Amino acid sequence: SFAIDPRPPAARRDIVSVVTHVDVPPQRKDETEGLLKRLAEDSRKDEDNLRYEVFQQSPSGNHFTILAVWQNRKAFDSHEIKAHTREFREALAPLLGAPYDERLYASILGLR
């Protein structure tokens, strides 16, 4: 891992967790690391972001997993249209070695 959020985790029914996989060719790894670190830093400042972490597969290092937790779906949707998110996707698109895989999850535990 290289971009771990220092805030404690949260669990509530309306929270939306997002898991995103980013795969790039090995020669694009360093460039992608920089983009992902900047995205994590900017996204943690977004309103209603509860957690934003980026993990890097070892030992190859060219596969990344993003774990983001949002207060609710509205917060996630707002993040998706922010300038820093759009800029990240535009910069990342030509680097990708596989489709950008983003999946949204809701808690089945109903914790409050």
PDB file of N, CA and C in Angstrom:
ATOM      1  N   SER A   1       0.847  -1.182   0.000  1.00  0.00           N
ATOM      2  CA  SER A   1       0.000   0.000   0.000  1.00  0.00           C
ATOM      3  C   SER A   1       0.887   1.238   0.000  1.00  0.00           C
ATOM      4  N   PHE A   2       0.388   2.317  -0.602  1.00  0.00           N
ATOM      5  CA  PHE A   2       1.189   3.529  -0.590  1.00  0.00           C
ATOM      6  C   PHE A   2       0.389   4.806  -0.385  1.00  0.00           C
ATOM      7  N   ALA A   3      -0.903   4.735  -0.290  1.00  0.00           N
ATOM      8  CA  ALA A   3      -1.718   5.926  -0.037  1.00  0.00           C
ATOM      9  C   ALA A   3      -2.824   5.549   0.945  1.00  0.00           C
ATOM     10  N   ILE A   4      -2.441   5.358   2.201  1.00  0.00           N
ATOM     11  CA  ILE A   4      -3.384   4.904   3.221  1.00  0.00           C
ATOM     12  C   ILE A   4      -3.988   6.093   3.948  1.00  0.00           C
ATOM     13  N   ASP A   5      -5.291   6.070   4.104  1.00  0.00           N
ATOM     14  CA  ASP A   5      -6.025   7.135   4.765  1.00  0.00           C
ATOM     15  C   ASP A   5      -5.876   6.996   6.275  1.00  0.00           C
ATOM     16  N   PRO A   6      -5.493   8.052   6.991  1.00  0.00           N
ATOM     17  CA  PRO A   6      -5.306   7.956   8.430  1.00  0.00           C
ATOM     18  C   PRO A   6      -6.601   7.989   9.238  1.00  0.00           C
ATOM     19  N   ARG A   7      -7.727   8.297   8.589  1.00  0.00           N
ATOM     20  CA  ARG A   7      -8.988   8.386   9.331  1.00  0.00           C
ATOM     21  C   ARG A   7      -9.513   6.988   9.673  1.00  0.00           C
ATOM     22  N   PRO A   8     -10.234   6.854  10.795  1.00  0.00           N
ATOM     23  CA  PRO A   8     -10.780   5.543  11.162  1.00  0.00           C
ATOM     24  C   PRO A   8     -11.903   5.128  10.217  1.00  0.00           C
ATOM     25  N   PRO A   9     -12.093   3.814  10.013  1.00  0.00           N
ATOM     26  CA  PRO A   9     -13.182   3.351   9.137  1.00  0.00           C
ATOM     27  C   PRO A   9     -14.546   3.625   9.760  1.00  0.00           C
ATOM     28  N   ALA A  10     -15.563   3.676   8.926  1.00  0.00           N
ATOM     29  CA  ALA A  10     -16.927   3.922   9.381  1.00  0.00           C
ATOM     30  C   ALA A  10     -17.842   2.849   8.814  1.00  0.00           C
ATOM     31  N   ALA A  11     -18.933   2.578   9.511  1.00  0.00           N
ATOM     32  CA  ALA A  11     -19.898   1.589   9.014  1.00  0.00           C
ATOM     33  C   ALA A  11     -21.310   2.076   9.325  1.00  0.00           C
ATOM     34  N   ARG A  12     -22.087   2.304   8.273  1.00  0.00           N
ATOM     35  CA  ARG A  12     -23.485   2.686   8.393  1.00  0.00           C
ATOM     36  C   ARG A  12     -24.207   2.170   7.164  1.00  0.00           C
ATOM     37  N   ARG A  13     -25.488   2.088   7.249  1.00  0.00           N
ATOM     38  CA  ARG A  13     -26.275   1.518   6.164  1.00  0.00           C
ATOM     39  C   ARG A  13     -26.200   2.313   4.864  1.00  0.00           C
ATOM     40  N   ASP A  14     -26.166   3.643   4.922  1.00  0.00           N
ATOM     41  CA  ASP A  14     -26.211   4.438   3.696  1.00  0.00           C
ATOM     42  C   ASP A  14     -24.839   4.689   3.077  1.00  0.00           C
ATOM     43  N   ILE A  15     -23.799   4.202   3.688  1.00  0.00           N
ATOM     44  CA  ILE A  15     -22.449   4.386   3.165  1.00  0.00           C
ATOM     45  C   ILE A  15     -22.284   3.597   1.863  1.00  0.00           C
ATOM     46  N   VAL A  16     -21.576   4.199   0.914  1.00  0.00           N
ATOM     47  CA  VAL A  16     -21.269   3.539  -0.356  1.00  0.00           C
ATOM     48  C   VAL A  16     -19.766   3.293  -0.400  1.00  0.00           C
ATOM     49  N   SER A  17     -19.392   2.045  -0.582  1.00  0.00           N
ATOM     50  CA  SER A  17     -17.984   1.681  -0.733  1.00  0.00           C
ATOM     51  C   SER A  17     -17.726   1.405  -2.210  1.00  0.00           C
ATOM     52  N   VAL A  18     -16.586   1.896  -2.682  1.00  0.00           N
ATOM     53  CA  VAL A  18     -16.247   1.749  -4.089  1.00  0.00           C
ATOM     54  C   VAL A  18     -14.885   1.068  -4.184  1.00  0.00           C
ATOM     55  N   VAL A  19     -14.828  -0.008  -4.944  1.00  0.00           N
ATOM     56  CA  VAL A  19     -13.570  -0.711  -5.186  1.00  0.00           C
ATOM     57  C   VAL A  19     -13.264  -0.586  -6.676  1.00  0.00           C
ATOM     58  N   THR A  20     -12.089  -0.048  -6.966  1.00  0.00           N
ATOM     59  CA  THR A  20     -11.688   0.187  -8.347  1.00  0.00           C
ATOM     60  C   THR A  20     -10.356  -0.495  -8.604  1.00  0.00           C
ATOM     61  N   HIS A  21     -10.278  -1.199  -9.716  1.00  0.00           N
ATOM     62  CA  HIS A  21      -9.021  -1.854 -10.111  1.00  0.00           C
ATOM     63  C   HIS A  21      -8.444  -1.101 -11.307  1.00  0.00           C
ATOM     64  N   VAL A  22      -7.159  -0.815 -11.209  1.00  0.00           N
ATOM     65  CA  VAL A  22      -6.450  -0.096 -12.261  1.00  0.00           C
ATOM     66  C   VAL A  22      -5.237  -0.934 -12.655  1.00  0.00           C
ATOM     67  N   ASP A  23      -5.207  -1.368 -13.895  1.00  0.00           N
ATOM     68  CA  ASP A  23      -4.076  -2.144 -14.423  1.00  0.00           C
ATOM     69  C   ASP A  23      -3.409  -1.351 -15.532  1.00  0.00           C
ATOM     70  N   VAL A  24      -2.089  -1.243 -15.449  1.00  0.00           N
ATOM     71  CA  VAL A  24      -1.323  -0.548 -16.488  1.00  0.00           C
ATOM     72  C   VAL A  24      -0.139  -1.423 -16.889  1.00  0.00           C
ATOM     73  N   PRO A  25       0.408  -1.217 -18.078  1.00  0.00           N
ATOM     74  CA  PRO A  25       1.631  -1.937 -18.442  1.00  0.00           C
ATOM     75  C   PRO A  25       2.762  -1.562 -17.467  1.00  0.00           C
ATOM     76  N   PRO A  26       3.676  -2.491 -17.207  1.00  0.00           N
ATOM     77  CA  PRO A  26       4.754  -2.220 -16.233  1.00  0.00           C
ATOM     78  C   PRO A  26       5.509  -0.922 -16.488  1.00  0.00           C
ATOM     79  N   GLN A  27       5.717  -0.562 -17.735  1.00  0.00           N
ATOM     80  CA  GLN A  27       6.478   0.658 -18.022  1.00  0.00           C
ATOM     81  C   GLN A  27       5.699   1.932 -17.689  1.00  0.00           C
ATOM     82  N   ARG A  28       4.397   1.838 -17.378  1.00  0.00           N
ATOM     83  CA  ARG A  28       3.578   3.008 -17.031  1.00  0.00           C
ATOM     84  C   ARG A  28       3.290   3.077 -15.531  1.00  0.00           C
ATOM     85  N   LYS A  29       3.886   2.162 -14.761  1.00  0.00           N
ATOM     86  CA  LYS A  29       3.636   2.057 -13.320  1.00  0.00           C
ATOM     87  C   LYS A  29       3.951   3.344 -12.568  1.00  0.00           C
ATOM     88  N   ASP A  30       5.135   3.913 -12.778  1.00  0.00           N
ATOM     89  CA  ASP A  30       5.545   5.104 -12.025  1.00  0.00           C
ATOM     90  C   ASP A  30       4.633   6.295 -12.313  1.00  0.00           C
ATOM     91  N   GLU A  31       4.287   6.473 -13.562  1.00  0.00           N
ATOM     92  CA  GLU A  31       3.383   7.557 -13.949  1.00  0.00           C
ATOM     93  C   GLU A  31       2.018   7.390 -13.289  1.00  0.00           C
ATOM     94  N   THR A  32       1.542   6.153 -13.255  1.00  0.00           N
ATOM     95  CA  THR A  32       0.247   5.853 -12.653  1.00  0.00           C
ATOM     96  C   THR A  32       0.281   6.081 -11.141  1.00  0.00           C
ATOM     97  N   GLU A  33       1.376   5.713 -10.496  1.00  0.00           N
ATOM     98  CA  GLU A  33       1.508   5.959  -9.058  1.00  0.00           C
ATOM     99  C   GLU A  33       1.290   7.433  -8.736  1.00  0.00           C
ATOM    100  N   GLY A  34       1.924   8.307  -9.498  1.00  0.00           N
ATOM    101  CA  GLY A  34       1.771   9.740  -9.261  1.00  0.00           C
ATOM    102  C   GLY A  34       0.339  10.205  -9.427  1.00  0.00           C
ATOM    103  N   LEU A  35      -0.326   9.729 -10.466  1.00  0.00           N
ATOM    104  CA  LEU A  35      -1.727  10.094 -10.694  1.00  0.00           C
ATOM    105  C   LEU A  35      -2.616   9.620  -9.546  1.00  0.00           C
ATOM    106  N   LEU A  36      -2.386   8.390  -9.087  1.00  0.00           N
ATOM    107  CA  LEU A  36      -3.219   7.829  -8.025  1.00  0.00           C
ATOM    108  C   LEU A  36      -2.983   8.516  -6.680  1.00  0.00           C
ATOM    109  N   LYS A  37      -1.748   8.851  -6.375  1.00  0.00           N
ATOM    110  CA  LYS A  37      -1.470   9.563  -5.120  1.00  0.00           C
ATOM    111  C   LYS A  37      -2.165  10.921  -5.105  1.00  0.00           C
ATOM    112  N   ARG A  38      -2.094  11.623  -6.218  1.00  0.00           N
ATOM    113  CA  ARG A  38      -2.750  12.935  -6.312  1.00  0.00           C
ATOM    114  C   ARG A  38      -4.264  12.783  -6.198  1.00  0.00           C
ATOM    115  N   LEU A  39      -4.819  11.762  -6.868  1.00  0.00           N
ATOM    116  CA  LEU A  39      -6.261  11.530  -6.783  1.00  0.00           C
ATOM    117  C   LEU A  39      -6.674  11.254  -5.342  1.00  0.00           C
ATOM    118  N   ALA A  40      -5.915  10.424  -4.641  1.00  0.00           N
ATOM    119  CA  ALA A  40      -6.247  10.102  -3.245  1.00  0.00           C
ATOM    120  C   ALA A  40      -6.218  11.355  -2.374  1.00  0.00           C
ATOM    121  N   GLU A  41      -5.177  12.157  -2.515  1.00  0.00           N
ATOM    122  CA  GLU A  41      -5.064  13.376  -1.713  1.00  0.00           C
ATOM    123  C   GLU A  41      -6.228  14.326  -1.993  1.00  0.00           C
ATOM    124  N   ASP A  42      -6.551  14.525  -3.250  1.00  0.00           N
ATOM    125  CA  ASP A  42      -7.648  15.426  -3.609  1.00  0.00           C
ATOM    126  C   ASP A  42      -8.998  14.873  -3.177  1.00  0.00           C
ATOM    127  N   SER A  43      -9.197  13.579  -3.325  1.00  0.00           N
ATOM    128  CA  SER A  43     -10.486  12.969  -3.008  1.00  0.00           C
ATOM    129  C   SER A  43     -10.764  12.977  -1.515  1.00  0.00           C
ATOM    130  N   ARG A  44      -9.736  12.865  -0.693  1.00  0.00           N
ATOM    131  CA  ARG A  44      -9.932  12.922   0.763  1.00  0.00           C
ATOM    132  C   ARG A  44     -10.452  14.278   1.201  1.00  0.00           C
ATOM    133  N   LYS A  45     -10.275  15.290   0.384  1.00  0.00           N
ATOM    134  CA  LYS A  45     -10.760  16.636   0.696  1.00  0.00           C
ATOM    135  C   LYS A  45     -12.206  16.837   0.243  1.00  0.00           C
ATOM    136  N   ASP A  46     -12.730  15.923  -0.570  1.00  0.00           N
ATOM    137  CA  ASP A  46     -14.107  16.042  -1.041  1.00  0.00           C
ATOM    138  C   ASP A  46     -15.071  15.910   0.130  1.00  0.00           C
ATOM    139  N   GLU A  47     -16.137  16.695   0.059  1.00  0.00           N
ATOM    140  CA  GLU A  47     -17.151  16.632   1.101  1.00  0.00           C
ATOM    141  C   GLU A  47     -17.752  15.227   1.162  1.00  0.00           C
ATOM    142  N   ASP A  48     -17.934  14.726   2.353  1.00  0.00           N
ATOM    143  CA  ASP A  48     -18.551  13.422   2.625  1.00  0.00           C
ATOM    144  C   ASP A  48     -17.707  12.229   2.191  1.00  0.00           C
ATOM    145  N   ASN A  49     -16.404  12.424   1.981  1.00  0.00           N
ATOM    146  CA  ASN A  49     -15.519  11.280   1.783  1.00  0.00           C
ATOM    147  C   ASN A  49     -15.111  10.783   3.164  1.00  0.00           C
ATOM    148  N   LEU A  50     -15.299   9.508   3.412  1.00  0.00           N
ATOM    149  CA  LEU A  50     -14.959   8.924   4.711  1.00  0.00           C
ATOM    150  C   LEU A  50     -13.630   8.189   4.688  1.00  0.00           C
ATOM    151  N   ARG A  51     -13.211   7.760   3.508  1.00  0.00           N
ATOM    152  CA  ARG A  51     -11.958   7.015   3.394  1.00  0.00           C
ATOM    153  C   ARG A  51     -11.566   6.945   1.922  1.00  0.00           C
ATOM    154  N   TYR A  52     -10.261   7.035   1.666  1.00  0.00           N
ATOM    155  CA  TYR A  52      -9.769   6.908   0.299  1.00  0.00           C
ATOM    156  C   TYR A  52      -8.361   6.338   0.370  1.00  0.00           C
ATOM    157  N   GLU A  53      -8.204   5.101  -0.081  1.00  0.00           N
ATOM    158  CA  GLU A  53      -6.919   4.420  -0.006  1.00  0.00           C
ATOM    159  C   GLU A  53      -6.574   3.809  -1.358  1.00  0.00           C
ATOM    160  N   VAL A  54      -5.282   3.719  -1.620  1.00  0.00           N
ATOM    161  CA  VAL A  54      -4.800   3.079  -2.835  1.00  0.00           C
ATOM    162  C   VAL A  54      -3.804   2.004  -2.425  1.00  0.00           C
ATOM    163  N   PHE A  55      -4.001   0.812  -2.941  1.00  0.00           N
ATOM    164  CA  PHE A  55      -3.114  -0.318  -2.679  1.00  0.00           C
ATOM    165  C   PHE A  55      -2.433  -0.714  -3.982  1.00  0.00           C
ATOM    166  N   GLN A  56      -1.206  -1.172  -3.852  1.00  0.00           N
ATOM    167  CA  GLN A  56      -0.420  -1.564  -5.019  1.00  0.00           C
ATOM    168  C   GLN A  56      -0.052  -3.036  -4.894  1.00  0.00           C
ATOM    169  N   GLN A  57      -0.326  -3.800  -5.952  1.00  0.00           N
ATOM    170  CA  GLN A  57      -0.009  -5.220  -5.949  1.00  0.00           C
ATOM    171  C   GLN A  57       1.502  -5.409  -5.893  1.00  0.00           C
ATOM    172  N   SER A  58       1.879  -6.418  -5.185  1.00  0.00           N
ATOM    173  CA  SER A  58       3.300  -6.726  -5.038  1.00  0.00           C
ATOM    174  C   SER A  58       3.529  -8.131  -5.577  1.00  0.00           C
ATOM    175  N   PRO A  59       4.575  -8.464  -6.237  1.00  0.00           N
ATOM    176  CA  PRO A  59       5.767  -7.657  -6.477  1.00  0.00           C
ATOM    177  C   PRO A  59       5.728  -6.864  -7.784  1.00  0.00           C
ATOM    178  N   SER A  60       4.792  -7.126  -8.685  1.00  0.00           N
ATOM    179  CA  SER A  60       4.852  -6.488 -10.010  1.00  0.00           C
ATOM    180  C   SER A  60       4.646  -4.977  -9.940  1.00  0.00           C
ATOM    181  N   GLY A  61       3.712  -4.542  -9.124  1.00  0.00           N
ATOM    182  CA  GLY A  61       3.502  -3.121  -8.914  1.00  0.00           C
ATOM    183  C   GLY A  61       2.699  -2.405  -9.968  1.00  0.00           C
ATOM    184  N   ASN A  62       2.207  -3.089 -10.992  1.00  0.00           N
ATOM    185  CA  ASN A  62       1.459  -2.389 -12.028  1.00  0.00           C
ATOM    186  C   ASN A  62      -0.055  -2.631 -11.946  1.00  0.00           C
ATOM    187  N   HIS A  63      -0.494  -3.224 -10.847  1.00  0.00           N
ATOM    188  CA  HIS A  63      -1.923  -3.386 -10.584  1.00  0.00           C
ATOM    189  C   HIS A  63      -2.222  -2.655  -9.279  1.00  0.00           C
ATOM    190  N   PHE A  64      -3.248  -1.784  -9.321  1.00  0.00           N
ATOM    191  CA  PHE A  64      -3.616  -0.972  -8.166  1.00  0.00           C
ATOM    192  C   PHE A  64      -5.076  -1.203  -7.830  1.00  0.00           C
ATOM    193  N   THR A  65      -5.403  -1.119  -6.550  1.00  0.00           N
ATOM    194  CA  THR A  65      -6.784  -1.191  -6.105  1.00  0.00           C
ATOM    195  C   THR A  65      -7.066   0.039  -5.258  1.00  0.00           C
ATOM    196  N   ILE A  66      -8.149   0.709  -5.595  1.00  0.00           N
ATOM    197  CA  ILE A  66      -8.589   1.885  -4.848  1.00  0.00           C
ATOM    198  C   ILE A  66      -9.790   1.463  -4.005  1.00  0.00           C
ATOM    199  N   LEU A  67      -9.772   1.832  -2.727  1.00  0.00           N
ATOM    200  CA  LEU A  67     -10.910   1.624  -1.845  1.00  0.00           C
ATOM    201  C   LEU A  67     -11.364   2.997  -1.377  1.00  0.00           C
ATOM    202  N   ALA A  68     -12.575   3.380  -1.765  1.00  0.00           N
ATOM    203  CA  ALA A  68     -13.135   4.668  -1.366  1.00  0.00           C
ATOM    204  C   ALA A  68     -14.446   4.431  -0.635  1.00  0.00           C
ATOM    205  N   VAL A  69     -14.678   5.208   0.403  1.00  0.00           N
ATOM    206  CA  VAL A  69     -15.915   5.098   1.160  1.00  0.00           C
ATOM    207  C   VAL A  69     -16.541   6.486   1.218  1.00  0.00           C
ATOM    208  N   TRP A  70     -17.821   6.535   0.833  1.00  0.00           N
ATOM    209  CA  TRP A  70     -18.549   7.793   0.755  1.00  0.00           C
ATOM    210  C   TRP A  70     -19.750   7.763   1.690  1.00  0.00           C
ATOM    211  N   GLN A  71     -20.112   8.916   2.201  1.00  0.00           N
ATOM    212  CA  GLN A  71     -21.234   9.062   3.133  1.00  0.00           C
ATOM    213  C   GLN A  71     -22.522   8.465   2.558  1.00  0.00           C
ATOM    214  N   ASN A  72     -22.717   8.629   1.250  1.00  0.00           N
ATOM    215  CA  ASN A  72     -23.914   8.114   0.585  1.00  0.00           C
ATOM    216  C   ASN A  72     -23.690   8.185  -0.930  1.00  0.00           C
ATOM    217  N   ARG A  73     -24.661   7.749  -1.689  1.00  0.00           N
ATOM    218  CA  ARG A  73     -24.525   7.727  -3.150  1.00  0.00           C
ATOM    219  C   ARG A  73     -24.400   9.138  -3.724  1.00  0.00           C
ATOM    220  N   LYS A  74     -25.110  10.082  -3.141  1.00  0.00           N
ATOM    221  CA  LYS A  74     -25.030  11.466  -3.614  1.00  0.00           C
ATOM    222  C   LYS A  74     -23.596  11.993  -3.501  1.00  0.00           C
ATOM    223  N   ALA A  75     -22.909  11.666  -2.419  1.00  0.00           N
ATOM    224  CA  ALA A  75     -21.518  12.108  -2.240  1.00  0.00           C
ATOM    225  C   ALA A  75     -20.620  11.488  -3.307  1.00  0.00           C
ATOM    226  N   PHE A  76     -20.811  10.208  -3.587  1.00  0.00           N
ATOM    227  CA  PHE A  76     -20.028   9.554  -4.638  1.00  0.00           C
ATOM    228  C   PHE A  76     -20.293  10.199  -5.987  1.00  0.00           C
ATOM    229  N   ASP A  77     -21.563  10.416  -6.313  1.00  0.00           N
ATOM    230  CA  ASP A  77     -21.914  11.027  -7.596  1.00  0.00           C
ATOM    231  C   ASP A  77     -21.298  12.422  -7.729  1.00  0.00           C
ATOM    232  N   SER A  78     -21.280  13.173  -6.650  1.00  0.00           N
ATOM    233  CA  SER A  78     -20.671  14.504  -6.659  1.00  0.00           C
ATOM    234  C   SER A  78     -19.173  14.407  -6.924  1.00  0.00           C
ATOM    235  N   HIS A  79     -18.513  13.432  -6.312  1.00  0.00           N
ATOM    236  CA  HIS A  79     -17.077  13.211  -6.525  1.00  0.00           C
ATOM    237  C   HIS A  79     -16.781  12.900  -7.994  1.00  0.00           C
ATOM    238  N   GLU A  80     -17.633  12.129  -8.618  1.00  0.00           N
ATOM    239  CA  GLU A  80     -17.406  11.695  -9.995  1.00  0.00           C
ATOM    240  C   GLU A  80     -17.374  12.852 -10.990  1.00  0.00           C
ATOM    241  N   ILE A  81     -18.028  13.967 -10.681  1.00  0.00           N
ATOM    242  CA  ILE A  81     -18.059  15.089 -11.618  1.00  0.00           C
ATOM    243  C   ILE A  81     -17.090  16.209 -11.229  1.00  0.00           C
ATOM    244  N   LYS A  82     -16.346  16.036 -10.157  1.00  0.00           N
ATOM    245  CA  LYS A  82     -15.371  17.053  -9.748  1.00  0.00           C
ATOM    246  C   LYS A  82     -14.230  17.120 -10.763  1.00  0.00           C
ATOM    247  N   ALA A  83     -13.640  18.296 -10.866  1.00  0.00           N
ATOM    248  CA  ALA A  83     -12.563  18.516 -11.835  1.00  0.00           C
ATOM    249  C   ALA A  83     -11.398  17.564 -11.612  1.00  0.00           C
ATOM    250  N   HIS A  84     -10.994  17.348 -10.364  1.00  0.00           N
ATOM    251  CA  HIS A  84      -9.834  16.481 -10.129  1.00  0.00           C
ATOM    252  C   HIS A  84     -10.100  15.039 -10.528  1.00  0.00           C
ATOM    253  N   THR A  85     -11.341  14.585 -10.413  1.00  0.00           N
ATOM    254  CA  THR A  85     -11.677  13.219 -10.826  1.00  0.00           C
ATOM    255  C   THR A  85     -11.676  13.113 -12.351  1.00  0.00           C
ATOM    256  N   ARG A  86     -12.254  14.079 -13.011  1.00  0.00           N
ATOM    257  CA  ARG A  86     -12.265  14.075 -14.488  1.00  0.00           C
ATOM    258  C   ARG A  86     -10.848  14.166 -15.037  1.00  0.00           C
ATOM    259  N   GLU A  87     -10.028  15.031 -14.446  1.00  0.00           N
ATOM    260  CA  GLU A  87      -8.638  15.174 -14.900  1.00  0.00           C
ATOM    261  C   GLU A  87      -7.862  13.866 -14.716  1.00  0.00           C
ATOM    262  N   PHE A  88      -8.097  13.187 -13.593  1.00  0.00           N
ATOM    263  CA  PHE A  88      -7.449  11.897 -13.351  1.00  0.00           C
ATOM    264  C   PHE A  88      -7.823  10.898 -14.441  1.00  0.00           C
ATOM    265  N   ARG A  89      -9.091  10.768 -14.726  1.00  0.00           N
ATOM    266  CA  ARG A  89      -9.535   9.785 -15.726  1.00  0.00           C
ATOM    267  C   ARG A  89      -9.002  10.101 -17.124  1.00  0.00           C
ATOM    268  N   GLU A  90      -8.962  11.374 -17.459  1.00  0.00           N
ATOM    269  CA  GLU A  90      -8.419  11.759 -18.764  1.00  0.00           C
ATOM    270  C   GLU A  90      -6.937  11.420 -18.868  1.00  0.00           C
ATOM    271  N   ALA A  91      -6.186  11.654 -17.790  1.00  0.00           N
ATOM    272  CA  ALA A  91      -4.753  11.348 -17.794  1.00  0.00           C
ATOM    273  C   ALA A  91      -4.500   9.845 -17.751  1.00  0.00           C
ATOM    274  N   LEU A  92      -5.365   9.100 -17.054  1.00  0.00           N
ATOM    275  CA  LEU A  92      -5.181   7.660 -16.902  1.00  0.00           C
ATOM    276  C   LEU A  92      -5.560   6.872 -18.155  1.00  0.00           C
ATOM    277  N   ALA A  93      -6.571   7.310 -18.876  1.00  0.00           N
ATOM    278  CA  ALA A  93      -7.114   6.542 -20.000  1.00  0.00           C
ATOM    279  C   ALA A  93      -6.050   6.028 -20.969  1.00  0.00           C
ATOM    280  N   PRO A  94      -5.103   6.851 -21.420  1.00  0.00           N
ATOM    281  CA  PRO A  94      -4.116   6.320 -22.369  1.00  0.00           C
ATOM    282  C   PRO A  94      -3.073   5.391 -21.746  1.00  0.00           C
ATOM    283  N   LEU A  95      -3.045   5.306 -20.421  1.00  0.00           N
ATOM    284  CA  LEU A  95      -2.064   4.453 -19.736  1.00  0.00           C
ATOM    285  C   LEU A  95      -2.592   3.050 -19.471  1.00  0.00           C
ATOM    286  N   LEU A  96      -3.900   2.880 -19.492  1.00  0.00           N
ATOM    287  CA  LEU A  96      -4.512   1.626 -19.063  1.00  0.00           C
ATOM    288  C   LEU A  96      -4.098   0.438 -19.923  1.00  0.00           C
ATOM    289  N   GLY A  97      -3.889  -0.694 -19.233  1.00  0.00           N
ATOM    290  CA  GLY A  97      -3.590  -1.938 -19.918  1.00  0.00           C
ATOM    291  C   GLY A  97      -4.771  -2.884 -19.898  1.00  0.00           C
ATOM    292  N   ALA A  98      -5.838  -2.504 -19.166  1.00  0.00           N
ATOM    293  CA  ALA A  98      -7.066  -3.290 -19.059  1.00  0.00           C
ATOM    294  C   ALA A  98      -8.194  -2.303 -18.765  1.00  0.00           C
ATOM    295  N   PRO A  99      -9.450  -2.707 -18.955  1.00  0.00           N
ATOM    296  CA  PRO A  99     -10.556  -1.792 -18.669  1.00  0.00           C
ATOM    297  C   PRO A  99     -10.538  -1.293 -17.231  1.00  0.00           C
ATOM    298  N   TYR A 100     -10.926  -0.063 -17.046  1.00  0.00           N
ATOM    299  CA  TYR A 100     -11.071   0.562 -15.726  1.00  0.00           C
ATOM    300  C   TYR A 100     -12.263  -0.105 -15.053  1.00  0.00           C
ATOM    301  N   ASP A 101     -12.053  -0.741 -13.931  1.00  0.00           N
ATOM    302  CA  ASP A 101     -13.087  -1.556 -13.288  1.00  0.00           C
ATOM    303  C   ASP A 101     -13.471  -0.924 -11.949  1.00  0.00           C
ATOM    304  N   GLU A 102     -14.646  -0.278 -11.921  1.00  0.00           N
ATOM    305  CA  GLU A 102     -15.118   0.405 -10.716  1.00  0.00           C
ATOM    306  C   GLU A 102     -16.448  -0.209 -10.300  1.00  0.00           C
ATOM    307  N   ARG A 103     -16.530  -0.643  -9.030  1.00  0.00           N
ATOM    308  CA  ARG A 103     -17.743  -1.298  -8.540  1.00  0.00           C
ATOM    309  C   ARG A 103     -18.185  -0.672  -7.228  1.00  0.00           C
ATOM    310  N   LEU A 104     -19.493  -0.439  -7.110  1.00  0.00           N
ATOM    311  CA  LEU A 104     -20.062   0.155  -5.914  1.00  0.00           C
ATOM    312  C   LEU A 104     -20.695  -0.925  -5.045  1.00  0.00           C
ATOM    313  N   TYR A 105     -20.509  -0.771  -3.733  1.00  0.00           N
ATOM    314  CA  TYR A 105     -21.041  -1.745  -2.765  1.00  0.00           C
ATOM    315  C   TYR A 105     -21.789  -1.008  -1.653  1.00  0.00           C
ATOM    316  N   ALA A 106     -22.865  -1.646  -1.173  1.00  0.00           N
ATOM    317  CA  ALA A 106     -23.605  -1.156  -0.020  1.00  0.00           C
ATOM    318  C   ALA A 106     -23.518  -2.215   1.072  1.00  0.00           C
ATOM    319  N   SER A 107     -23.549  -1.774   2.299  1.00  0.00           N
ATOM    320  CA  SER A 107     -23.458  -2.690   3.425  1.00  0.00           C
ATOM    321  C   SER A 107     -24.716  -3.554   3.528  1.00  0.00           C
ATOM    322  N   ILE A 108     -24.538  -4.826   3.794  1.00  0.00           N
ATOM    323  CA  ILE A 108     -25.684  -5.704   4.028  1.00  0.00           C
ATOM    324  C   ILE A 108     -25.917  -5.886   5.526  1.00  0.00           C
ATOM    325  N   LEU A 109     -25.039  -5.306   6.332  1.00  0.00           N
ATOM    326  CA  LEU A 109     -25.139  -5.463   7.774  1.00  0.00           C
ATOM    327  C   LEU A 109     -26.115  -4.490   8.407  1.00  0.00           C
ATOM    328  N   GLY A 110     -26.349  -3.360   7.760  1.00  0.00           N
ATOM    329  CA  GLY A 110     -27.270  -2.380   8.318  1.00  0.00           C
ATOM    330  C   GLY A 110     -26.783  -1.797   9.618  1.00  0.00           C
ATOM    331  N   LEU A 111     -25.485  -1.682   9.797  1.00  0.00           N
ATOM    332  CA  LEU A 111     -24.937  -1.114  11.036  1.00  0.00           C
ATOM    333  C   LEU A 111     -25.300   0.357  11.152  1.00  0.00           C
ATOM    334  N   ARG A 112     -25.542   0.787  12.331  1.00  0.00           N
ATOM    335  CA  ARG A 112     -25.858   2.203  12.574  1.00  0.00           C
ATOM    336  C   ARG A 112     -25.058   2.718  13.716  1.00  0.00           C
TER     337      ARG A 112
END
